[in-house]
Amino acid sequence: MESSGSVPDRPRWYEGVWRFTAPAVEVSVPQIRHAVRDLLKRQRVPIRDEAAQAVLLIISELVTNAVLHAAVLSPEVAVEVAVGAERIRVSVEDDHPYRPKALDTPDAGQIGGRGLLLVREILREAGGGCDVDHTAGGGKIVWAELPFVAPLGGPPKRESVTSPRPVR
């Protein structure tokens, strides 16, 4: 984007795209969640605590789905974190063609789909979105994007100066 003076805007210090891979095994879920948390801290992304918690929950759900449902055809998952000026997008890519589907409503008798229902509700509340894109190789990329500067769940909470809440 360019300003009126035709000088290109510089990206903010925290903007960028990071991509890494991990084995499609259960132990990768917390490892990836911690890697994303550490990335946000290292880049000093000015993300609200509620939005950071939402991102970490979403990435956990997306990686868990890939591990549980795609590992048979995809021994590895790729994770991408794209941080823009005011939005963050996380995506998980695997080689399985199956397109996941969230439940429409919670159903105690239904196996699966609850995690994606939770993701969808978090994103709806946050003003974000998610979708599934197919890759040229026949796999898929499941992505979620949300603003990280807008309040989630109501007005901002007053934080204590002496006891800040850490991002987990």
Protein backbone atom coordinates (compact mmCIF):
# COMPACT_ATOMS: atom_id res chain seq x y z
CA MET A 1 0.00 0.00 0.00
CA GLU A 2 1.33 3.42 -0.83
CA SER A 3 0.73 6.72 0.86
CA SER A 4 -0.30 9.87 -0.98
CA GLY A 5 3.36 10.85 -1.40
CA SER A 6 4.08 7.65 -3.42
CA VAL A 7 6.50 6.44 -0.76
CA PRO A 8 5.83 2.78 0.02
CA ASP A 9 4.64 2.13 3.57
CA ARG A 10 7.09 0.09 5.58
CA PRO A 11 5.85 -3.00 7.32
CA ARG A 12 5.70 -2.85 11.08
CA TRP A 13 8.46 -4.64 13.03
CA TYR A 14 6.18 -7.58 13.84
CA GLU A 15 4.76 -8.19 10.35
CA GLY A 16 5.85 -11.22 8.40
CA VAL A 17 5.14 -14.80 7.38
CA TRP A 18 6.71 -17.79 9.09
CA ARG A 19 6.37 -21.39 7.92
CA PHE A 20 7.58 -24.61 9.50
CA THR A 21 6.84 -28.32 9.36
CA ALA A 22 6.36 -30.98 12.00
CA PRO A 23 5.62 -34.70 12.04
CA ALA A 24 1.90 -35.52 12.01
CA VAL A 25 2.00 -37.04 15.52
CA GLU A 26 0.26 -36.09 18.77
CA VAL A 27 3.37 -34.69 20.43
CA SER A 28 3.57 -32.08 17.65
CA VAL A 29 0.37 -30.38 18.84
CA PRO A 30 1.81 -28.77 22.01
CA GLN A 31 5.17 -28.24 20.30
CA ILE A 32 3.52 -26.25 17.50
CA ARG A 33 1.35 -24.31 19.96
CA HIS A 34 4.47 -23.36 21.94
CA ALA A 35 6.35 -22.45 18.75
CA VAL A 36 3.54 -20.09 17.71
CA ARG A 37 3.37 -18.58 21.21
CA ASP A 38 7.14 -18.05 21.19
CA LEU A 39 7.00 -16.52 17.71
CA LEU A 40 4.41 -13.96 18.82
CA LYS A 41 6.56 -13.07 21.83
CA ARG A 42 9.82 -12.94 19.86
CA GLN A 43 8.32 -10.65 17.21
CA ARG A 44 6.68 -8.53 19.93
CA VAL A 45 3.33 -8.71 18.15
CA PRO A 46 0.99 -6.24 19.90
CA ILE A 47 -1.73 -8.84 20.26
CA ARG A 48 -4.38 -8.67 22.97
CA ASP A 49 -4.19 -11.53 25.46
CA GLU A 50 -7.66 -12.79 24.47
CA ALA A 51 -6.68 -12.84 20.80
CA ALA A 52 -3.40 -14.62 21.56
CA GLN A 53 -5.27 -17.28 23.54
CA ALA A 54 -7.72 -17.65 20.64
CA VAL A 55 -4.87 -18.07 18.13
CA LEU A 56 -3.21 -20.73 20.28
CA LEU A 57 -6.47 -22.64 20.75
CA ILE A 58 -7.21 -22.45 17.02
CA ILE A 59 -3.75 -23.67 15.99
CA SER A 60 -4.06 -26.53 18.48
CA GLU A 61 -7.41 -27.57 17.02
CA LEU A 62 -6.22 -27.36 13.42
CA VAL A 63 -3.04 -29.35 14.07
CA THR A 64 -4.96 -31.92 16.12
CA ASN A 65 -7.35 -32.45 13.22
CA ALA A 66 -4.46 -32.93 10.81
CA VAL A 67 -2.78 -35.41 13.17
CA LEU A 68 -5.97 -37.38 13.80
CA HIS A 69 -7.42 -37.41 10.30
CA ALA A 70 -4.63 -36.82 7.78
CA ALA A 71 -1.54 -38.56 9.16
CA VAL A 72 -2.28 -41.74 7.21
CA LEU A 73 -1.60 -39.85 3.94
CA SER A 74 0.45 -36.99 5.33
CA PRO A 75 3.36 -37.88 7.61
CA GLU A 76 4.10 -34.17 8.02
CA VAL A 77 2.04 -31.02 8.51
CA ALA A 78 3.07 -27.54 7.49
CA VAL A 79 2.13 -24.59 9.66
CA GLU A 80 2.12 -21.00 8.50
CA VAL A 81 1.70 -17.91 10.65
CA ALA A 82 1.11 -14.66 8.76
CA VAL A 83 1.05 -11.50 10.87
CA GLY A 84 -0.22 -8.35 9.20
CA ALA A 85 -0.69 -4.85 10.51
CA GLU A 86 -3.84 -5.75 12.48
CA ARG A 87 -4.66 -9.38 11.63
CA ILE A 88 -3.12 -12.77 12.15
CA ARG A 89 -3.69 -15.80 9.95
CA VAL A 90 -2.71 -19.33 10.91
CA SER A 91 -2.93 -22.24 8.54
CA VAL A 92 -2.21 -25.95 8.63
CA GLU A 93 -1.45 -27.85 5.44
CA ASP A 94 -1.51 -31.60 4.95
CA ASP A 95 -1.58 -34.01 2.02
CA HIS A 96 -4.98 -35.58 2.75
CA PRO A 97 -7.85 -34.56 0.42
CA TYR A 98 -10.59 -34.90 3.07
CA ARG A 99 -12.22 -31.54 3.79
CA PRO A 100 -13.10 -31.20 7.50
CA LYS A 101 -16.57 -30.07 8.49
CA ALA A 102 -17.64 -28.41 11.71
CA LEU A 103 -20.83 -29.47 13.44
CA ASP A 104 -23.71 -27.05 12.98
CA THR A 105 -24.67 -27.37 16.65
CA PRO A 106 -23.17 -29.28 19.58
CA ASP A 107 -24.38 -32.90 19.49
CA ALA A 108 -23.45 -35.26 22.32
CA GLY A 109 -23.92 -38.28 20.04
CA GLN A 110 -21.71 -36.97 17.25
CA ILE A 111 -18.07 -38.02 17.16
CA GLY A 112 -15.79 -35.29 15.85
CA GLY A 113 -16.50 -31.79 14.59
CA ARG A 114 -16.63 -30.13 18.00
CA GLY A 115 -13.17 -28.58 17.69
CA LEU A 116 -14.03 -26.91 14.40
CA LEU A 117 -17.34 -25.73 15.86
CA LEU A 118 -15.37 -24.12 18.69
CA VAL A 119 -12.95 -22.54 16.20
CA ARG A 120 -15.84 -21.18 14.13
CA GLU A 121 -17.51 -19.67 17.22
CA ILE A 122 -14.27 -18.05 18.42
CA LEU A 123 -13.72 -16.55 14.99
CA ARG A 124 -17.33 -15.35 14.72
CA GLU A 125 -17.00 -13.54 18.05
CA ALA A 126 -13.63 -12.06 17.07
CA GLY A 127 -14.70 -10.86 13.63
CA GLY A 128 -12.53 -13.40 11.84
CA GLY A 129 -13.07 -16.23 9.41
CA CYS A 130 -11.82 -19.61 8.29
CA ASP A 131 -11.93 -21.85 5.26
CA VAL A 132 -10.28 -24.75 3.50
CA ASP A 133 -8.25 -24.37 0.31
CA HIS A 134 -7.11 -27.28 -1.81
CA THR A 135 -3.47 -27.60 -2.83
CA ALA A 136 -2.19 -28.44 -6.30
CA GLY A 137 -0.94 -31.78 -4.92
CA GLY A 138 -4.42 -32.85 -3.79
CA GLY A 139 -4.07 -31.94 -0.11
CA LYS A 140 -5.60 -29.04 1.76
CA ILE A 141 -4.83 -25.94 3.75
CA VAL A 142 -7.15 -25.16 6.65
CA TRP A 143 -6.77 -21.54 7.68
CA ALA A 144 -8.19 -19.12 10.22
CA GLU A 145 -7.76 -15.38 10.40
CA LEU A 146 -8.71 -12.88 13.06
CA PRO A 147 -7.98 -9.32 14.08
CA PHE A 148 -5.62 -9.10 17.00
CA VAL A 149 -6.25 -5.50 17.97
CA ALA A 150 -10.04 -5.63 18.33
CA PRO A 151 -11.44 -6.60 21.70
CA LEU A 152 -12.76 -10.14 22.03
CA GLY A 153 -15.66 -10.90 24.34
CA GLY A 154 -16.58 -7.35 25.28
CA PRO A 155 -14.73 -4.26 26.44
CA PRO A 156 -11.03 -4.49 27.26
CA LYS A 157 -10.20 -5.59 30.79
CA ARG A 158 -8.03 -3.42 32.98
CA GLU A 159 -4.71 -5.19 33.42
CA SER A 160 -2.80 -4.92 36.66
CA VAL A 161 0.51 -3.14 36.23
CA THR A 162 2.17 -5.39 38.82
CA SER A 163 0.90 -8.73 37.52
CA PRO A 164 0.64 -8.91 33.73
CA ARG A 165 -0.93 -12.07 32.32
CA PRO A 166 1.50 -14.10 30.21
CA VAL A 167 0.61 -15.55 26.80
CA ARG A 168 0.52 -19.32 27.03
